[in-house]
C-alpha atoms as a PDB file:
ATOM      1  CA  MET A   1     -15.946  -0.060   7.022  1.00  0.00           C
ATOM      2  CA  GLU A   2     -15.331   2.307   4.016  1.00  0.00           C
ATOM      3  CA  PRO A   3     -15.249   1.692  -0.057  1.00  0.00           C
ATOM      4  CA  GLY A   4     -11.571   0.075  -0.113  1.00  0.00           C
ATOM      5  CA  SER A   5     -11.244  -1.827   2.750  1.00  0.00           C
ATOM      6  CA  SER A   6      -8.959  -4.265   2.921  1.00  0.00           C
ATOM      7  CA  THR A   7     -10.927  -6.115   5.731  1.00  0.00           C
ATOM      8  CA  LEU A   8     -14.948  -7.624   6.089  1.00  0.00           C
ATOM      9  CA  THR A   9     -16.414  -9.264   8.501  1.00  0.00           C
ATOM     10  CA  MET A  10     -19.724 -11.803   8.423  1.00  0.00           C
ATOM     11  CA  THR A  11     -21.388 -13.716  10.312  1.00  0.00           C
ATOM     12  CA  VAL A  12     -24.104 -16.053   9.293  1.00  0.00           C
ATOM     13  CA  LEU A  13     -26.742 -18.152  12.003  1.00  0.00           C
ATOM     14  CA  MET A  14     -26.111 -21.796  10.644  1.00  0.00           C
ATOM     15  CA  THR A  15     -30.028 -23.188  10.137  1.00  0.00           C
ATOM     16  CA  PRO A  16     -31.505 -26.598   9.745  1.00  0.00           C
ATOM     17  CA  ASP A  17     -31.490 -26.587   6.032  1.00  0.00           C
ATOM     18  CA  LYS A  18     -27.773 -26.150   5.721  1.00  0.00           C
ATOM     19  CA  ALA A  19     -27.047 -29.209   7.500  1.00  0.00           C
ATOM     20  CA  ASN A  20     -26.774 -32.785   6.747  1.00  0.00           C
ATOM     21  CA  PHE A  21     -28.957 -35.568   8.778  1.00  0.00           C
ATOM     22  CA  SER A  22     -26.029 -35.719  11.151  1.00  0.00           C
ATOM     23  CA  GLY A  23     -26.862 -31.982  12.119  1.00  0.00           C
ATOM     24  CA  ASN A  24     -23.458 -30.859  10.681  1.00  0.00           C
ATOM     25  CA  VAL A  25     -23.331 -28.093   8.587  1.00  0.00           C
ATOM     26  CA  HIS A  26     -22.448 -29.212   4.852  1.00  0.00           C
ATOM     27  CA  GLY A  27     -19.004 -28.467   3.852  1.00  0.00           C
ATOM     28  CA  GLY A  28     -20.207 -26.879   0.425  1.00  0.00           C
ATOM     29  CA  THR A  29     -21.869 -24.384   1.985  1.00  0.00           C
ATOM     30  CA  LEU A  30     -19.545 -23.409   4.274  1.00  0.00           C
ATOM     31  CA  LEU A  31     -17.233 -23.340   1.013  1.00  0.00           C
ATOM     32  CA  LYS A  32     -19.794 -21.045  -0.810  1.00  0.00           C
ATOM     33  CA  TYR A  33     -20.040 -18.691   2.186  1.00  0.00           C
ATOM     34  CA  LEU A  34     -15.815 -18.614   1.948  1.00  0.00           C
ATOM     35  CA  ASP A  35     -16.116 -17.853  -2.095  1.00  0.00           C
ATOM     36  CA  GLU A  36     -19.060 -15.035  -1.045  1.00  0.00           C
ATOM     37  CA  VAL A  37     -16.431 -13.813   1.803  1.00  0.00           C
ATOM     38  CA  ALA A  38     -13.853 -13.689  -0.388  1.00  0.00           C
ATOM     39  CA  TYR A  39     -15.295 -11.858  -3.073  1.00  0.00           C
ATOM     40  CA  ALA A  40     -17.020  -9.287  -1.087  1.00  0.00           C
ATOM     41  CA  CYS A  41     -13.371  -8.567   0.275  1.00  0.00           C
ATOM     42  CA  ALA A  42     -11.526  -8.336  -2.852  1.00  0.00           C
ATOM     43  CA  SER A  43     -14.153  -6.677  -4.662  1.00  0.00           C
ATOM     44  CA  ARG A  44     -14.494  -3.828  -2.587  1.00  0.00           C
ATOM     45  CA  PHE A  45     -10.883  -3.432  -1.872  1.00  0.00           C
ATOM     46  CA  ALA A  46      -9.995  -3.379  -5.823  1.00  0.00           C
ATOM     47  CA  GLY A  47     -13.288  -1.084  -6.382  1.00  0.00           C
ATOM     48  CA  SER A  48     -13.706  -3.625  -9.265  1.00  0.00           C
ATOM     49  CA  TYR A  49     -15.653  -6.778 -10.216  1.00  0.00           C
ATOM     50  CA  VAL A  50     -13.243 -10.274  -9.270  1.00  0.00           C
ATOM     51  CA  VAL A  51     -13.185 -13.766 -10.251  1.00  0.00           C
ATOM     52  CA  THR A  52     -11.748 -16.410  -8.076  1.00  0.00           C
ATOM     53  CA  LEU A  53      -8.445 -18.366  -9.313  1.00  0.00           C
ATOM     54  CA  SER A  54      -7.718 -20.710  -6.757  1.00  0.00           C
ATOM     55  CA  VAL A  55      -8.502 -21.763  -2.834  1.00  0.00           C
ATOM     56  CA  ASP A  56      -5.589 -22.691  -0.883  1.00  0.00           C
ATOM     57  CA  GLN A  57      -5.538 -24.775   2.350  1.00  0.00           C
ATOM     58  CA  VAL A  58      -9.389 -25.343   3.010  1.00  0.00           C
ATOM     59  CA  THR A  59      -9.165 -28.068   5.922  1.00  0.00           C
ATOM     60  CA  PHE A  60     -12.318 -28.260   8.519  1.00  0.00           C
ATOM     61  CA  ARG A  61     -10.750 -28.554  11.596  1.00  0.00           C
ATOM     62  CA  GLN A  62     -14.174 -29.148  13.815  1.00  0.00           C
ATOM     63  CA  PRO A  63     -17.719 -29.739  12.650  1.00  0.00           C
ATOM     64  CA  VAL A  64     -20.178 -26.755  12.846  1.00  0.00           C
ATOM     65  CA  HIS A  65     -23.374 -27.152  13.993  1.00  0.00           C
ATOM     66  CA  VAL A  66     -27.014 -26.299  13.220  1.00  0.00           C
ATOM     67  CA  GLY A  67     -27.610 -23.486  15.611  1.00  0.00           C
ATOM     68  CA  GLU A  68     -24.178 -21.832  16.008  1.00  0.00           C
ATOM     69  CA  LEU A  69     -23.006 -18.708  14.356  1.00  0.00           C
ATOM     70  CA  VAL A  70     -20.016 -18.399  12.231  1.00  0.00           C
ATOM     71  CA  THR A  71     -18.210 -15.530  11.640  1.00  0.00           C
ATOM     72  CA  PHE A  72     -16.003 -15.061   8.364  1.00  0.00           C
ATOM     73  CA  LEU A  73     -12.989 -12.458   9.054  1.00  0.00           C
ATOM     74  CA  ALA A  74     -11.648 -11.897   5.906  1.00  0.00           C
ATOM     75  CA  SER A  75      -8.965  -9.442   5.147  1.00  0.00           C
ATOM     76  CA  VAL A  76      -6.573  -8.758   1.869  1.00  0.00           C
ATOM     77  CA  ASN A  77      -3.556 -10.103   2.732  1.00  0.00           C
ATOM     78  CA  TYR A  78      -1.444  -9.562  -0.263  1.00  0.00           C
ATOM     79  CA  THR A  79      -1.380  -7.782  -4.235  1.00  0.00           C
ATOM     80  CA  GLY A  80       0.270  -8.577  -7.036  1.00  0.00           C
ATOM     81  CA  ARG A  81      -0.769  -6.570 -10.133  1.00  0.00           C
ATOM     82  CA  THR A  82      -4.046  -7.961 -10.711  1.00  0.00           C
ATOM     83  CA  SER A  83      -4.524 -10.545  -8.054  1.00  0.00           C
ATOM     84  CA  MET A  84      -5.334 -10.488  -4.609  1.00  0.00           C
ATOM     85  CA  GLU A  85      -4.554 -13.212  -1.888  1.00  0.00           C
ATOM     86  CA  VAL A  86      -7.696 -12.965   0.557  1.00  0.00           C
ATOM     87  CA  GLY A  87      -7.392 -14.451   3.883  1.00  0.00           C
ATOM     88  CA  ILE A  88     -10.426 -15.827   5.734  1.00  0.00           C
ATOM     89  CA  LYS A  89     -10.464 -17.234   9.487  1.00  0.00           C
ATOM     90  CA  VAL A  90     -13.487 -18.907  10.573  1.00  0.00           C
ATOM     91  CA  VAL A  91     -14.863 -18.467  14.062  1.00  0.00           C
ATOM     92  CA  THR A  92     -17.748 -20.551  15.457  1.00  0.00           C
ATOM     93  CA  GLU A  93     -20.048 -19.686  18.652  1.00  0.00           C
ATOM     94  CA  ASN A  94     -22.361 -22.202  20.551  1.00  0.00           C
ATOM     95  CA  ILE A  95     -24.724 -19.467  21.612  1.00  0.00           C
ATOM     96  CA  ARG A  96     -25.762 -21.425  24.780  1.00  0.00           C
ATOM     97  CA  ASP A  97     -22.729 -22.841  25.746  1.00  0.00           C
ATOM     98  CA  LYS A  98     -20.959 -19.614  25.263  1.00  0.00           C
ATOM     99  CA  LEU A  99     -18.011 -21.774  23.268  1.00  0.00           C
ATOM    100  CA  VAL A 100     -16.068 -20.086  20.633  1.00  0.00           C
ATOM    101  CA  ARG A 101     -14.045 -21.948  18.420  1.00  0.00           C
ATOM    102  CA  HIS A 102     -11.559 -21.666  15.250  1.00  0.00           C
ATOM    103  CA  THR A 103     -13.108 -24.054  12.630  1.00  0.00           C
ATOM    104  CA  ASN A 104     -11.188 -23.269   9.826  1.00  0.00           C
ATOM    105  CA  SER A 105      -8.768 -20.964   7.637  1.00  0.00           C
ATOM    106  CA  CYS A 106      -8.085 -20.556   3.850  1.00  0.00           C
ATOM    107  CA  PHE A 107      -6.643 -18.650   1.304  1.00  0.00           C
ATOM    108  CA  PHE A 108      -8.626 -17.625  -1.971  1.00  0.00           C
ATOM    109  CA  THR A 109      -6.517 -15.717  -4.585  1.00  0.00           C
ATOM    110  CA  MET A 110      -8.640 -13.383  -6.439  1.00  0.00           C
ATOM    111  CA  VAL A 111      -8.244 -11.622  -9.769  1.00  0.00           C
ATOM    112  CA  ALA A 112      -9.668  -8.192 -10.246  1.00  0.00           C
ATOM    113  CA  VAL A 113     -11.559  -8.382 -13.866  1.00  0.00           C
ATOM    114  CA  ASP A 114     -13.317  -5.517 -16.131  1.00  0.00           C
ATOM    115  CA  GLU A 115     -16.685  -5.654 -17.580  1.00  0.00           C
ATOM    116  CA  GLN A 116     -15.553  -7.830 -20.465  1.00  0.00           C
ATOM    117  CA  GLY A 117     -13.569 -10.221 -17.969  1.00  0.00           C
ATOM    118  CA  GLN A 118     -10.147  -8.830 -18.564  1.00  0.00           C
ATOM    119  CA  PRO A 119      -7.721  -8.504 -15.805  1.00  0.00           C
ATOM    120  CA  VAL A 120      -7.232  -4.968 -14.558  1.00  0.00           C
ATOM    121  CA  GLU A 121      -4.844  -3.525 -12.032  1.00  0.00           C
ATOM    122  CA  VAL A 122      -5.433  -3.544  -8.002  1.00  0.00           C
ATOM    123  CA  PRO A 123      -4.510  -0.802  -5.425  1.00  0.00           C
ATOM    124  CA  THR A 124      -1.511  -1.779  -3.960  1.00  0.00           C
ATOM    125  CA  LEU A 125      -1.722  -2.757  -0.415  1.00  0.00           C
ATOM    126  CA  GLN A 126       0.180  -0.929   2.163  1.00  0.00           C
ATOM    127  CA  PRO A 127       0.337  -2.999   5.076  1.00  0.00           C
ATOM    128  CA  SER A 128       0.725  -0.861   8.601  1.00  0.00           C
ATOM    129  CA  SER A 129       0.114  -2.578  11.416  1.00  0.00           C
ATOM    130  CA  GLU A 130       2.595  -5.548  12.782  1.00  0.00           C
ATOM    131  CA  ASP A 131      -0.243  -8.150  11.957  1.00  0.00           C
ATOM    132  CA  ALA A 132      -0.993  -6.755   8.532  1.00  0.00           C
ATOM    133  CA  ILE A 133       3.118  -6.804   7.622  1.00  0.00           C
ATOM    134  CA  ARG A 134       3.072 -10.625   9.166  1.00  0.00           C
ATOM    135  CA  ARG A 135       0.106 -11.258   6.771  1.00  0.00           C
ATOM    136  CA  PHE A 136       1.635  -9.926   3.851  1.00  0.00           C
ATOM    137  CA  ALA A 137       5.409 -11.518   4.608  1.00  0.00           C
ATOM    138  CA  ASN A 138       3.611 -15.064   4.833  1.00  0.00           C
ATOM    139  CA  ALA A 139       1.300 -14.265   1.944  1.00  0.00           C
ATOM    140  CA  GLN A 140       4.367 -13.700  -0.164  1.00  0.00           C
ATOM    141  CA  GLU A 141       5.977 -17.147   1.073  1.00  0.00           C
ATOM    142  CA  ARG A 142       2.544 -18.800  -0.329  1.00  0.00           C
ATOM    143  CA  ARG A 143       2.479 -16.889  -3.649  1.00  0.00           C
ATOM    144  CA  ALA A 144       6.166 -18.705  -3.867  1.00  0.00           C
ATOM    145  CA  ILE A 145       4.935 -22.307  -3.182  1.00  0.00           C
ATOM    146  CA  ARG A 146       2.224 -21.972  -5.448  1.00  0.00           C
ATOM    147  CA  ALA A 147       4.064 -20.945  -7.856  1.00  0.00           C
ATOM    148  CA  GLU A 148       6.672 -23.748  -7.162  1.00  0.00           C
ATOM    149  CA  LEU A 149       3.943 -26.320  -6.874  1.00  0.00           C
ATOM    150  CA  ALA A 150       2.160 -25.309 -10.290  1.00  0.00           C
ATOM    151  CA  GLU A 151       5.855 -25.921 -11.881  1.00  0.00           C
ATOM    152  CA  ARG A 152       5.973 -29.425 -10.153  1.00  0.00           C
ATOM    153  CA  TYR A 153       2.626 -30.216 -11.072  1.00  0.00           C
ATOM    154  CA  LYS A 154       3.512 -28.949 -14.741  1.00  0.00           C
ATOM    155  CA  ALA A 155       6.774 -31.643 -15.004  1.00  0.00           C
ATOM    156  CA  LEU A 156       4.000 -34.512 -13.805  1.00  0.00           C
ATOM    157  CA  LYS A 157       1.967 -34.121 -16.990  1.00  0.00           C
ATOM    158  CA  ASN A 158       5.042 -34.851 -19.484  1.00  0.00           C
END
């Protein structure tokens, strides 16, 4: 991948130190990897440091077990002025059984910042493939839903 790429893939072998007593990988371990992947994808695209603003729709569809390979497929789906939505699809592979499962998907909102922690502008995403255009449109919808939800939560505080 070249600098400025809007996609990133990372694969990790799940070892016993990442698991609970049932042999399932801790949800917190997966969240840590998700945050690292979102950071790497967004910072490479933006060419700057980034911070996590929010995480949406983290649902663990199926358990991940020790000995499985977990692949994180990340893409910048949308850019605002200083923020980006990074979508991550998690695919788990049981090496012995040759079974591949989609175990999680989620969306991170990342904000580009300078050395003083102040927001900085990010490059404009130019989706060109049919899939990227679909992800961009869906991200715009999620952005509108986030704004509506923020207003509804704000109203609850009164």
